[in-house]
Amino acid sequence: LRLVDGGSRCAGRVEVKHEGQWGSVCSYDFHWGVPAASVVCRQLGCGTVARTSPYTPFGAGAGQIWLQPYYCRGTETELQNCLHFGWGQHFCDHDTDVGVTCSGAVELRLVNGSDPCEGRVEVKLQGQWGTVRDKKWDMEDAEVVCQQLDCGSARSAHSSTPFGEGSGPIHFAWIDCRGDESALWECNIRGWGPYKSPHEWDVGVICQG
């Protein structure tokens, strides 16, 4: 099992090796979700699921499609132990090649502040640092960032570039956190990039540190 074209061994298009040949895994959204992706992340030693999609988030594969899983409990030790139609048997095509981003491929930091516990929020995806854009960034969102970075509770939450505009891609947009998530990517993220967009709403936080 491997993940390819995601900039990290813990993110990318899901591929499996059978009879000495690598091939992709396709599925539909009503069959593929967090339980199946959890098997992938755990099998690769890449932590938990940050995001998954059956709609070629890392591009379509070429050549053989080896598996179409249609049911995973999430406790299987290998993806091939999920229920599937048989090796090389599938009803989906490369336009639904599945992709997974595991927590081991995502990083978080604060930059341009006076110390490591304040600054512009940046996330590393696909090997590149990018910003977080949100006009309605609030204290619940900031709390998750501060706790994840071991910076105590949030003191303040800021949008509209309080710590300067970023220059790379925008990785997350329109985030809604409860405040008790263990990582920012566990929140409800309506816009998962990377995007090329103006940086006027890059968010920042100040933690109690």
N, C-alpha and C. Protein backbone atom coordinates (compact mmCIF):
# COMPACT_ATOMS: atom_id res chain seq x y z
N LEU A 1 0.85 -1.20 0.00
CA LEU A 1 0.00 0.00 0.00
C LEU A 1 0.88 1.24 0.00
N ARG A 2 0.46 2.25 -0.76
CA ARG A 2 1.19 3.51 -0.75
C ARG A 2 0.24 4.65 -1.12
N LEU A 3 0.69 5.87 -0.80
CA LEU A 3 -0.01 7.09 -1.20
C LEU A 3 0.93 7.87 -2.11
N VAL A 4 0.43 8.33 -3.25
CA VAL A 4 1.29 8.98 -4.24
C VAL A 4 0.72 10.33 -4.66
N ASP A 5 1.63 11.19 -5.13
CA ASP A 5 1.30 12.52 -5.67
C ASP A 5 0.71 13.46 -4.64
N GLY A 6 1.02 13.23 -3.36
CA GLY A 6 0.51 14.11 -2.32
C GLY A 6 1.59 14.89 -1.60
N GLY A 7 2.83 14.80 -2.07
CA GLY A 7 3.92 15.55 -1.46
C GLY A 7 4.43 14.96 -0.17
N SER A 8 3.93 13.79 0.22
CA SER A 8 4.31 13.15 1.48
C SER A 8 3.94 11.68 1.39
N ARG A 9 4.65 10.85 2.13
CA ARG A 9 4.28 9.43 2.17
C ARG A 9 2.94 9.22 2.86
N CYS A 10 2.45 10.25 3.56
CA CYS A 10 1.20 10.13 4.32
C CYS A 10 0.04 10.87 3.66
N ALA A 11 0.17 11.22 2.40
CA ALA A 11 -0.93 11.86 1.67
C ALA A 11 -0.82 11.51 0.20
N GLY A 12 -1.97 11.31 -0.43
CA GLY A 12 -1.93 11.07 -1.86
C GLY A 12 -3.00 10.11 -2.34
N ARG A 13 -2.89 9.76 -3.60
CA ARG A 13 -3.80 8.78 -4.20
C ARG A 13 -3.45 7.39 -3.65
N VAL A 14 -4.48 6.65 -3.29
CA VAL A 14 -4.27 5.32 -2.71
C VAL A 14 -3.94 4.32 -3.82
N GLU A 15 -2.84 3.62 -3.64
CA GLU A 15 -2.47 2.56 -4.58
C GLU A 15 -2.08 1.30 -3.81
N VAL A 16 -2.40 0.17 -4.40
CA VAL A 16 -2.04 -1.12 -3.81
C VAL A 16 -1.24 -1.92 -4.83
N LYS A 17 -0.42 -2.82 -4.32
CA LYS A 17 0.41 -3.65 -5.19
C LYS A 17 -0.11 -5.08 -5.18
N HIS A 18 -0.36 -5.60 -6.37
CA HIS A 18 -0.87 -6.96 -6.51
C HIS A 18 -0.19 -7.60 -7.71
N GLU A 19 0.28 -8.80 -7.51
CA GLU A 19 0.98 -9.53 -8.57
C GLU A 19 2.12 -8.71 -9.16
N GLY A 20 2.82 -7.98 -8.27
CA GLY A 20 3.98 -7.21 -8.68
C GLY A 20 3.70 -5.91 -9.38
N GLN A 21 2.43 -5.50 -9.44
CA GLN A 21 2.06 -4.28 -10.17
C GLN A 21 1.25 -3.36 -9.28
N TRP A 22 1.60 -2.06 -9.33
CA TRP A 22 0.84 -1.07 -8.58
C TRP A 22 -0.40 -0.66 -9.36
N GLY A 23 -1.49 -0.48 -8.64
CA GLY A 23 -2.73 -0.01 -9.25
C GLY A 23 -3.52 0.82 -8.26
N SER A 24 -4.49 1.54 -8.75
CA SER A 24 -5.24 2.46 -7.90
C SER A 24 -6.45 1.77 -7.26
N VAL A 25 -7.10 2.52 -6.39
CA VAL A 25 -8.30 2.07 -5.69
C VAL A 25 -9.40 3.08 -6.01
N CYS A 26 -10.51 2.61 -6.54
CA CYS A 26 -11.61 3.52 -6.83
C CYS A 26 -12.81 3.15 -5.97
N SER A 27 -13.68 4.12 -5.77
CA SER A 27 -14.88 3.86 -4.97
C SER A 27 -15.85 5.02 -5.18
N TYR A 28 -17.03 4.90 -4.60
CA TYR A 28 -18.02 5.97 -4.63
C TYR A 28 -18.17 6.55 -3.24
N ASP A 29 -18.71 7.78 -3.16
CA ASP A 29 -18.76 8.45 -1.87
C ASP A 29 -19.64 7.73 -0.86
N PHE A 30 -20.61 6.93 -1.32
CA PHE A 30 -21.45 6.20 -0.37
C PHE A 30 -20.77 4.93 0.12
N HIS A 31 -19.61 4.59 -0.43
CA HIS A 31 -18.84 3.44 0.03
C HIS A 31 -17.53 3.85 0.71
N TRP A 32 -16.98 4.98 0.31
CA TRP A 32 -15.66 5.39 0.81
C TRP A 32 -15.81 6.53 1.80
N GLY A 33 -15.20 6.40 2.95
CA GLY A 33 -15.27 7.45 3.96
C GLY A 33 -14.17 7.27 4.99
N VAL A 34 -14.39 7.85 6.16
CA VAL A 34 -13.37 7.83 7.21
C VAL A 34 -13.00 6.41 7.65
N PRO A 35 -13.95 5.47 7.79
CA PRO A 35 -13.53 4.12 8.20
C PRO A 35 -12.50 3.49 7.25
N ALA A 36 -12.76 3.59 5.94
CA ALA A 36 -11.81 3.03 4.97
C ALA A 36 -10.49 3.79 5.00
N ALA A 37 -10.57 5.12 5.03
CA ALA A 37 -9.35 5.92 5.06
C ALA A 37 -8.56 5.68 6.34
N SER A 38 -9.25 5.39 7.44
CA SER A 38 -8.56 5.10 8.70
C SER A 38 -7.69 3.86 8.58
N VAL A 39 -8.19 2.88 7.84
CA VAL A 39 -7.40 1.66 7.62
C VAL A 39 -6.12 2.00 6.87
N VAL A 40 -6.23 2.87 5.86
CA VAL A 40 -5.06 3.28 5.08
C VAL A 40 -4.04 3.98 5.97
N CYS A 41 -4.49 4.97 6.73
CA CYS A 41 -3.56 5.74 7.56
C CYS A 41 -2.89 4.86 8.61
N ARG A 42 -3.66 4.00 9.22
CA ARG A 42 -3.10 3.12 10.25
C ARG A 42 -2.13 2.11 9.64
N GLN A 43 -2.48 1.55 8.49
CA GLN A 43 -1.62 0.57 7.84
C GLN A 43 -0.26 1.18 7.48
N LEU A 44 -0.26 2.47 7.13
CA LEU A 44 0.98 3.14 6.74
C LEU A 44 1.70 3.78 7.92
N GLY A 45 1.12 3.71 9.11
CA GLY A 45 1.73 4.35 10.27
C GLY A 45 1.72 5.85 10.18
N CYS A 46 0.63 6.41 9.62
CA CYS A 46 0.55 7.85 9.35
C CYS A 46 -0.46 8.57 10.22
N GLY A 47 -0.87 7.97 11.32
CA GLY A 47 -1.77 8.65 12.23
C GLY A 47 -3.23 8.46 11.85
N THR A 48 -4.01 9.50 12.05
CA THR A 48 -5.44 9.45 11.80
C THR A 48 -5.79 10.16 10.49
N VAL A 49 -7.06 10.12 10.13
CA VAL A 49 -7.50 10.73 8.87
C VAL A 49 -7.68 12.23 9.06
N ALA A 50 -7.04 13.01 8.21
CA ALA A 50 -7.29 14.45 8.18
C ALA A 50 -8.36 14.77 7.14
N ARG A 51 -8.30 14.09 6.00
CA ARG A 51 -9.29 14.30 4.93
C ARG A 51 -9.23 13.12 3.97
N THR A 52 -10.38 12.82 3.39
CA THR A 52 -10.40 11.79 2.35
C THR A 52 -11.49 12.10 1.34
N SER A 53 -11.30 11.65 0.12
CA SER A 53 -12.28 11.90 -0.94
C SER A 53 -12.13 10.83 -2.02
N PRO A 54 -13.25 10.40 -2.64
CA PRO A 54 -13.17 9.47 -3.76
C PRO A 54 -13.12 10.17 -5.11
N TYR A 55 -12.99 11.47 -5.13
CA TYR A 55 -13.06 12.20 -6.40
C TYR A 55 -11.70 12.75 -6.82
N THR A 56 -10.73 11.86 -6.97
CA THR A 56 -9.39 12.15 -7.47
C THR A 56 -8.78 13.42 -6.89
N PRO A 57 -8.73 13.57 -5.57
CA PRO A 57 -8.12 14.79 -5.00
C PRO A 57 -6.64 14.91 -5.32
N PHE A 58 -6.01 13.81 -5.71
CA PHE A 58 -4.59 13.85 -6.07
C PHE A 58 -4.38 13.39 -7.51
N GLY A 59 -5.40 13.59 -8.32
CA GLY A 59 -5.31 13.21 -9.72
C GLY A 59 -5.68 11.75 -9.94
N ALA A 60 -6.03 11.46 -11.17
CA ALA A 60 -6.42 10.10 -11.53
C ALA A 60 -5.19 9.24 -11.80
N GLY A 61 -5.29 7.99 -11.45
CA GLY A 61 -4.23 7.06 -11.77
C GLY A 61 -4.30 6.64 -13.23
N ALA A 62 -3.35 5.83 -13.64
CA ALA A 62 -3.34 5.30 -15.00
C ALA A 62 -3.08 3.80 -14.91
N GLY A 63 -3.66 3.08 -15.82
CA GLY A 63 -3.44 1.64 -15.80
C GLY A 63 -4.44 0.92 -14.93
N GLN A 64 -3.96 -0.06 -14.21
CA GLN A 64 -4.81 -1.00 -13.49
C GLN A 64 -5.53 -0.35 -12.30
N ILE A 65 -6.80 -0.67 -12.14
CA ILE A 65 -7.53 -0.42 -10.90
C ILE A 65 -7.64 -1.77 -10.20
N TRP A 66 -7.05 -1.87 -9.02
CA TRP A 66 -7.00 -3.16 -8.36
C TRP A 66 -8.17 -3.43 -7.43
N LEU A 67 -8.63 -2.39 -6.73
CA LEU A 67 -9.65 -2.64 -5.71
C LEU A 67 -10.78 -1.62 -5.79
N GLN A 68 -11.97 -2.10 -5.50
CA GLN A 68 -13.11 -1.23 -5.22
C GLN A 68 -13.72 -1.70 -3.90
N PRO A 69 -13.25 -1.15 -2.78
CA PRO A 69 -13.85 -1.53 -1.49
C PRO A 69 -15.28 -0.99 -1.40
N TYR A 70 -16.16 -1.78 -0.83
CA TYR A 70 -17.52 -1.28 -0.66
C TYR A 70 -17.98 -1.31 0.80
N TYR A 71 -17.15 -1.86 1.69
CA TYR A 71 -17.48 -1.76 3.11
C TYR A 71 -16.23 -1.99 3.95
N CYS A 72 -15.94 -1.02 4.81
CA CYS A 72 -14.87 -1.16 5.80
C CYS A 72 -15.44 -0.82 7.17
N ARG A 73 -15.10 -1.62 8.16
CA ARG A 73 -15.47 -1.29 9.54
C ARG A 73 -14.58 -0.20 10.09
N GLY A 74 -13.35 -0.15 9.58
CA GLY A 74 -12.37 0.79 10.10
C GLY A 74 -11.38 0.14 11.04
N THR A 75 -11.61 -1.11 11.38
CA THR A 75 -10.73 -1.83 12.30
C THR A 75 -9.83 -2.83 11.57
N GLU A 76 -9.98 -2.95 10.26
CA GLU A 76 -9.17 -3.90 9.50
C GLU A 76 -7.69 -3.51 9.57
N THR A 77 -6.82 -4.51 9.52
CA THR A 77 -5.38 -4.24 9.57
C THR A 77 -4.82 -3.87 8.20
N GLU A 78 -5.51 -4.26 7.13
CA GLU A 78 -5.08 -3.93 5.78
C GLU A 78 -6.30 -3.57 4.94
N LEU A 79 -6.11 -2.68 3.97
CA LEU A 79 -7.23 -2.25 3.13
C LEU A 79 -7.84 -3.42 2.37
N GLN A 80 -7.03 -4.36 1.96
CA GLN A 80 -7.54 -5.50 1.19
C GLN A 80 -8.44 -6.40 2.03
N ASN A 81 -8.44 -6.21 3.35
CA ASN A 81 -9.33 -6.99 4.22
C ASN A 81 -10.74 -6.40 4.29
N CYS A 82 -10.91 -5.18 3.77
CA CYS A 82 -12.26 -4.63 3.64
C CYS A 82 -13.01 -5.42 2.56
N LEU A 83 -14.31 -5.39 2.62
CA LEU A 83 -15.09 -6.09 1.59
C LEU A 83 -14.89 -5.39 0.25
N HIS A 84 -14.56 -6.17 -0.78
CA HIS A 84 -14.40 -5.62 -2.12
C HIS A 84 -14.85 -6.67 -3.13
N PHE A 85 -14.89 -6.29 -4.40
CA PHE A 85 -15.45 -7.16 -5.43
C PHE A 85 -14.45 -8.17 -5.98
N GLY A 86 -13.23 -8.13 -5.48
CA GLY A 86 -12.19 -9.02 -5.97
C GLY A 86 -11.09 -8.22 -6.64
N TRP A 87 -9.90 -8.78 -6.66
CA TRP A 87 -8.77 -8.09 -7.28
C TRP A 87 -9.05 -7.83 -8.77
N GLY A 88 -8.97 -6.56 -9.15
CA GLY A 88 -9.19 -6.19 -10.54
C GLY A 88 -10.65 -6.11 -10.95
N GLN A 89 -11.56 -6.36 -10.01
CA GLN A 89 -12.99 -6.31 -10.30
C GLN A 89 -13.55 -4.99 -9.76
N HIS A 90 -14.11 -4.18 -10.64
CA HIS A 90 -14.60 -2.87 -10.19
C HIS A 90 -15.67 -2.36 -11.14
N PHE A 91 -16.51 -1.48 -10.61
CA PHE A 91 -17.58 -0.85 -11.38
C PHE A 91 -17.36 0.66 -11.47
N CYS A 92 -16.25 1.14 -10.92
CA CYS A 92 -15.91 2.56 -10.97
C CYS A 92 -14.66 2.72 -11.83
N ASP A 93 -14.37 3.97 -12.19
CA ASP A 93 -13.25 4.26 -13.07
C ASP A 93 -12.25 5.17 -12.37
N HIS A 94 -11.24 5.59 -13.12
CA HIS A 94 -10.19 6.43 -12.53
C HIS A 94 -10.70 7.79 -12.07
N ASP A 95 -11.88 8.21 -12.53
CA ASP A 95 -12.39 9.51 -12.08
C ASP A 95 -12.91 9.45 -10.64
N THR A 96 -12.92 8.25 -10.05
CA THR A 96 -13.22 8.13 -8.62
C THR A 96 -12.08 7.41 -7.89
N ASP A 97 -10.85 7.59 -8.37
CA ASP A 97 -9.69 7.10 -7.62
C ASP A 97 -9.61 7.84 -6.29
N VAL A 98 -9.54 7.09 -5.21
CA VAL A 98 -9.63 7.70 -3.89
C VAL A 98 -8.29 8.27 -3.45
N GLY A 99 -8.37 9.29 -2.62
CA GLY A 99 -7.18 9.91 -2.04
C GLY A 99 -7.37 10.12 -0.55
N VAL A 100 -6.27 10.10 0.18
CA VAL A 100 -6.31 10.26 1.63
C VAL A 100 -5.20 11.21 2.06
N THR A 101 -5.53 12.10 2.98
CA THR A 101 -4.53 12.89 3.69
C THR A 101 -4.58 12.47 5.15
N CYS A 102 -3.51 11.88 5.63
CA CYS A 102 -3.43 11.46 7.03
C CYS A 102 -2.82 12.58 7.87
N SER A 103 -3.05 12.50 9.17
CA SER A 103 -2.56 13.55 10.06
C SER A 103 -1.04 13.67 10.02
N GLY A 104 -0.36 12.58 9.67
CA GLY A 104 1.09 12.61 9.59
C GLY A 104 1.63 13.47 8.47
N ALA A 105 0.75 13.92 7.57
CA ALA A 105 1.18 14.74 6.43
C ALA A 105 0.85 16.22 6.62
N VAL A 106 0.21 16.57 7.74
CA VAL A 106 -0.25 17.94 7.94
C VAL A 106 0.46 18.54 9.16
N GLU A 107 0.93 19.77 9.02
CA GLU A 107 1.59 20.46 10.13
C GLU A 107 0.94 21.83 10.34
N LEU A 108 1.14 22.37 11.53
CA LEU A 108 0.55 23.66 11.91
C LEU A 108 1.60 24.52 12.57
N ARG A 109 1.58 25.82 12.29
CA ARG A 109 2.51 26.74 12.95
C ARG A 109 1.91 28.14 12.99
N LEU A 110 2.52 29.00 13.81
CA LEU A 110 2.20 30.42 13.86
C LEU A 110 3.45 31.20 13.46
N VAL A 111 3.29 32.20 12.60
CA VAL A 111 4.44 32.96 12.12
C VAL A 111 4.17 34.46 12.24
N ASN A 112 5.27 35.22 12.24
CA ASN A 112 5.23 36.69 12.27
C ASN A 112 4.73 37.26 13.60
N GLY A 113 4.71 36.45 14.65
CA GLY A 113 4.36 36.95 15.97
C GLY A 113 5.62 37.22 16.78
N SER A 114 5.43 37.67 18.00
CA SER A 114 6.58 37.96 18.85
C SER A 114 7.15 36.71 19.52
N ASP A 115 6.38 35.61 19.48
CA ASP A 115 6.87 34.33 20.01
C ASP A 115 6.12 33.21 19.29
N PRO A 116 6.50 31.94 19.51
CA PRO A 116 5.87 30.83 18.77
C PRO A 116 4.39 30.63 19.06
N CYS A 117 3.86 31.32 20.06
CA CYS A 117 2.45 31.13 20.43
C CYS A 117 1.56 32.29 19.99
N GLU A 118 2.02 33.08 19.05
CA GLU A 118 1.15 34.06 18.42
C GLU A 118 1.61 34.27 16.99
N GLY A 119 0.66 34.64 16.13
CA GLY A 119 1.04 34.91 14.75
C GLY A 119 -0.01 34.48 13.75
N ARG A 120 0.37 34.58 12.49
CA ARG A 120 -0.50 34.13 11.40
C ARG A 120 -0.54 32.61 11.39
N VAL A 121 -1.73 32.06 11.24
CA VAL A 121 -1.89 30.60 11.23
C VAL A 121 -1.49 30.06 9.86
N GLU A 122 -0.60 29.09 9.87
CA GLU A 122 -0.20 28.45 8.62
C GLU A 122 -0.26 26.93 8.76
N VAL A 123 -0.63 26.30 7.66
CA VAL A 123 -0.76 24.84 7.60
C VAL A 123 0.12 24.33 6.47
N LYS A 124 0.77 23.20 6.71
CA LYS A 124 1.59 22.58 5.67
C LYS A 124 0.83 21.42 5.05
N LEU A 125 0.57 21.53 3.75
CA LEU A 125 -0.09 20.49 2.98
C LEU A 125 0.72 20.24 1.72
N GLN A 126 0.80 18.98 1.32
CA GLN A 126 1.49 18.62 0.09
C GLN A 126 2.90 19.22 0.05
N GLY A 127 3.53 19.27 1.22
CA GLY A 127 4.90 19.74 1.31
C GLY A 127 5.09 21.23 1.25
N GLN A 128 4.00 22.01 1.29
CA GLN A 128 4.10 23.46 1.15
C GLN A 128 3.28 24.16 2.23
N TRP A 129 3.87 25.21 2.82
CA TRP A 129 3.15 25.99 3.82
C TRP A 129 2.17 26.94 3.15
N GLY A 130 0.99 27.08 3.74
CA GLY A 130 -0.02 28.00 3.24
C GLY A 130 -0.84 28.55 4.39
N THR A 131 -1.71 29.48 4.09
CA THR A 131 -2.45 30.19 5.14
C THR A 131 -3.87 29.64 5.31
N VAL A 132 -4.56 30.22 6.28
CA VAL A 132 -5.96 29.89 6.57
C VAL A 132 -6.78 31.17 6.38
N ARG A 133 -7.83 31.09 5.60
CA ARG A 133 -8.66 32.26 5.28
C ARG A 133 -10.04 32.07 5.88
N ASP A 134 -10.49 33.07 6.64
CA ASP A 134 -11.81 32.95 7.26
C ASP A 134 -12.26 34.32 7.76
N LYS A 135 -13.34 34.84 7.19
CA LYS A 135 -13.87 36.13 7.63
C LYS A 135 -14.51 36.03 9.02
N LYS A 136 -14.95 34.83 9.40
CA LYS A 136 -15.66 34.65 10.67
C LYS A 136 -14.84 33.83 11.66
N TRP A 137 -13.55 33.94 11.58
CA TRP A 137 -12.64 33.26 12.51
C TRP A 137 -12.95 33.71 13.93
N ASP A 138 -13.15 32.76 14.84
CA ASP A 138 -13.59 33.13 16.19
C ASP A 138 -12.76 32.43 17.26
N MET A 139 -13.15 32.63 18.51
CA MET A 139 -12.37 32.12 19.63
C MET A 139 -12.36 30.59 19.70
N GLU A 140 -13.44 29.95 19.27
CA GLU A 140 -13.45 28.49 19.25
C GLU A 140 -12.41 27.96 18.27
N ASP A 141 -12.32 28.61 17.11
CA ASP A 141 -11.31 28.22 16.12
C ASP A 141 -9.90 28.43 16.67
N ALA A 142 -9.69 29.61 17.26
CA ALA A 142 -8.37 29.94 17.81
C ALA A 142 -8.00 29.00 18.95
N GLU A 143 -8.98 28.58 19.73
CA GLU A 143 -8.71 27.69 20.86
C GLU A 143 -8.11 26.37 20.38
N VAL A 144 -8.63 25.84 19.29
CA VAL A 144 -8.11 24.58 18.76
C VAL A 144 -6.65 24.75 18.34
N VAL A 145 -6.34 25.86 17.68
CA VAL A 145 -4.96 26.11 17.25
C VAL A 145 -4.03 26.18 18.46
N CYS A 146 -4.42 26.96 19.46
CA CYS A 146 -3.55 27.14 20.63
C CYS A 146 -3.34 25.83 21.38
N GLN A 147 -4.40 25.08 21.57
CA GLN A 147 -4.27 23.81 22.28
C GLN A 147 -3.43 22.81 21.49
N GLN A 148 -3.62 22.80 20.17
CA GLN A 148 -2.85 21.87 19.35
C GLN A 148 -1.35 22.16 19.43
N LEU A 149 -1.00 23.44 19.54
CA LEU A 149 0.41 23.84 19.59
C LEU A 149 0.96 23.88 21.02
N ASP A 150 0.18 23.39 21.98
CA ASP A 150 0.59 23.40 23.39
C ASP A 150 0.91 24.81 23.87
N CYS A 151 0.08 25.75 23.44
CA CYS A 151 0.27 27.15 23.80
C CYS A 151 -0.80 27.65 24.77
N GLY A 152 -1.45 26.74 25.48
CA GLY A 152 -2.48 27.16 26.41
C GLY A 152 -3.77 27.52 25.70
N SER A 153 -4.58 28.32 26.36
CA SER A 153 -5.85 28.74 25.78
C SER A 153 -5.66 29.95 24.88
N ALA A 154 -6.65 30.19 24.04
CA ALA A 154 -6.60 31.35 23.15
C ALA A 154 -6.89 32.63 23.92
N ARG A 155 -6.11 33.65 23.64
CA ARG A 155 -6.35 34.97 24.23
C ARG A 155 -7.17 35.82 23.27
N SER A 156 -6.91 35.71 21.97
CA SER A 156 -7.66 36.48 20.99
C SER A 156 -7.57 35.80 19.63
N ALA A 157 -8.61 36.05 18.82
CA ALA A 157 -8.69 35.51 17.45
C ALA A 157 -8.78 36.68 16.48
N HIS A 158 -8.05 36.60 15.38
CA HIS A 158 -7.97 37.73 14.45
C HIS A 158 -8.12 37.26 13.01
N SER A 159 -8.89 38.01 12.24
CA SER A 159 -8.93 37.83 10.79
C SER A 159 -8.40 39.11 10.15
N SER A 160 -8.46 39.18 8.85
CA SER A 160 -7.98 40.34 8.07
C SER A 160 -6.51 40.66 8.35
N THR A 161 -5.67 39.64 8.26
CA THR A 161 -4.21 39.75 8.23
C THR A 161 -3.60 40.56 9.36
N PRO A 162 -3.86 40.25 10.62
CA PRO A 162 -3.25 41.01 11.71
C PRO A 162 -1.73 40.83 11.79
N PHE A 163 -1.23 39.73 11.24
CA PHE A 163 0.20 39.47 11.27
C PHE A 163 0.79 39.46 9.86
N GLY A 164 0.18 40.24 8.99
CA GLY A 164 0.66 40.33 7.62
C GLY A 164 0.06 39.26 6.72
N GLU A 165 0.07 39.52 5.44
CA GLU A 165 -0.47 38.57 4.47
C GLU A 165 0.56 37.49 4.15
N GLY A 166 0.06 36.27 3.98
CA GLY A 166 0.92 35.20 3.51
C GLY A 166 1.18 35.35 2.03
N SER A 167 2.11 34.56 1.52
CA SER A 167 2.47 34.67 0.11
C SER A 167 2.26 33.38 -0.66
N GLY A 168 1.97 32.30 0.03
CA GLY A 168 1.77 31.02 -0.64
C GLY A 168 0.31 30.74 -0.90
N PRO A 169 -0.05 29.49 -1.03
CA PRO A 169 -1.45 29.12 -1.26
C PRO A 169 -2.28 29.30 0.01
N ILE A 170 -3.58 29.30 -0.16
CA ILE A 170 -4.51 29.21 0.97
C ILE A 170 -4.94 27.75 1.08
N HIS A 171 -4.65 27.14 2.22
CA HIS A 171 -4.93 25.71 2.37
C HIS A 171 -6.30 25.43 2.97
N PHE A 172 -6.73 26.24 3.95
CA PHE A 172 -8.04 26.04 4.58
C PHE A 172 -8.83 27.34 4.46
N ALA A 173 -10.14 27.21 4.27
CA ALA A 173 -11.03 28.37 4.24
C ALA A 173 -12.37 28.00 4.85
N TRP A 174 -12.99 28.97 5.51
CA TRP A 174 -14.33 28.81 6.09
C TRP A 174 -14.36 27.64 7.07
N ILE A 175 -13.79 27.88 8.23
CA ILE A 175 -13.63 26.85 9.25
C ILE A 175 -14.62 27.08 10.39
N ASP A 176 -15.17 26.00 10.89
CA ASP A 176 -16.08 26.07 12.03
C ASP A 176 -15.67 25.00 13.04
N CYS A 177 -15.10 25.44 14.16
CA CYS A 177 -14.67 24.53 15.22
C CYS A 177 -15.60 24.64 16.42
N ARG A 178 -15.76 23.54 17.13
CA ARG A 178 -16.48 23.57 18.41
C ARG A 178 -15.59 24.14 19.51
N GLY A 179 -14.28 23.90 19.36
CA GLY A 179 -13.32 24.36 20.36
C GLY A 179 -12.67 23.24 21.12
N ASP A 180 -13.20 22.01 20.98
CA ASP A 180 -12.62 20.88 21.71
C ASP A 180 -11.94 19.86 20.80
N GLU A 181 -11.80 20.19 19.52
CA GLU A 181 -11.09 19.28 18.61
C GLU A 181 -9.60 19.23 18.97
N SER A 182 -8.97 18.11 18.69
CA SER A 182 -7.55 17.96 19.01
C SER A 182 -6.64 18.51 17.92
N ALA A 183 -7.19 18.76 16.74
CA ALA A 183 -6.40 19.32 15.63
C ALA A 183 -7.31 20.18 14.77
N LEU A 184 -6.74 21.19 14.14
CA LEU A 184 -7.53 22.12 13.33
C LEU A 184 -8.25 21.40 12.20
N TRP A 185 -7.61 20.38 11.62
CA TRP A 185 -8.22 19.68 10.49
C TRP A 185 -9.32 18.72 10.92
N GLU A 186 -9.60 18.63 12.22
CA GLU A 186 -10.76 17.88 12.67
C GLU A 186 -12.01 18.75 12.71
N CYS A 187 -11.84 20.05 12.53
CA CYS A 187 -12.99 20.97 12.49
C CYS A 187 -13.72 20.82 11.16
N ASN A 188 -14.87 21.43 11.07
CA ASN A 188 -15.61 21.46 9.82
C ASN A 188 -14.96 22.48 8.89
N ILE A 189 -14.31 22.00 7.84
CA ILE A 189 -13.61 22.87 6.90
C ILE A 189 -14.33 22.80 5.56
N ARG A 190 -14.98 23.88 5.19
CA ARG A 190 -15.75 23.87 3.94
C ARG A 190 -14.87 24.08 2.72
N GLY A 191 -13.72 24.69 2.91
CA GLY A 191 -12.81 24.92 1.79
C GLY A 191 -11.45 24.33 2.07
N TRP A 192 -11.17 23.19 1.47
CA TRP A 192 -9.88 22.52 1.65
C TRP A 192 -9.09 22.69 0.36
N GLY A 193 -7.99 23.44 0.42
CA GLY A 193 -7.24 23.82 -0.76
C GLY A 193 -6.27 22.76 -1.24
N PRO A 194 -5.21 23.21 -1.89
CA PRO A 194 -4.75 24.61 -1.95
C PRO A 194 -5.52 25.46 -2.97
N TYR A 195 -5.68 26.76 -2.61
CA TYR A 195 -6.32 27.74 -3.47
C TYR A 195 -5.34 28.86 -3.79
N LYS A 196 -5.50 29.45 -4.94
CA LYS A 196 -4.84 30.71 -5.26
C LYS A 196 -5.88 31.80 -5.11
N SER A 197 -5.70 32.64 -4.10
CA SER A 197 -6.71 33.64 -3.77
C SER A 197 -6.04 34.77 -3.01
N PRO A 198 -6.63 35.97 -3.02
CA PRO A 198 -6.08 37.07 -2.22
C PRO A 198 -6.00 36.70 -0.74
N HIS A 199 -5.05 37.29 -0.05
CA HIS A 199 -4.77 36.92 1.34
C HIS A 199 -5.33 37.92 2.35
N GLU A 200 -6.34 38.71 1.97
CA GLU A 200 -6.79 39.76 2.87
C GLU A 200 -7.50 39.24 4.12
N TRP A 201 -7.87 37.95 4.15
CA TRP A 201 -8.53 37.39 5.33
C TRP A 201 -7.69 36.29 5.98
N ASP A 202 -6.38 36.35 5.83
CA ASP A 202 -5.51 35.40 6.53
C ASP A 202 -5.68 35.58 8.04
N VAL A 203 -5.90 34.48 8.74
CA VAL A 203 -6.23 34.57 10.16
C VAL A 203 -4.99 34.45 11.04
N GLY A 204 -5.15 34.92 12.27
CA GLY A 204 -4.08 34.82 13.26
C GLY A 204 -4.65 34.59 14.64
N VAL A 205 -3.79 34.19 15.55
CA VAL A 205 -4.21 33.98 16.94
C VAL A 205 -3.13 34.50 17.88
N ILE A 206 -3.56 34.84 19.07
CA ILE A 206 -2.65 35.10 20.19
C ILE A 206 -3.07 34.15 21.31
N CYS A 207 -2.15 33.28 21.68
CA CYS A 207 -2.42 32.31 22.74
C CYS A 207 -1.84 32.82 24.06
N GLN A 208 -2.32 32.25 25.14
CA GLN A 208 -1.82 32.67 26.45
C GLN A 208 -0.37 32.23 26.66
N GLY A 209 0.03 31.19 25.90
CA GLY A 209 1.42 30.79 25.89
C GLY A 209 1.91 30.13 27.14
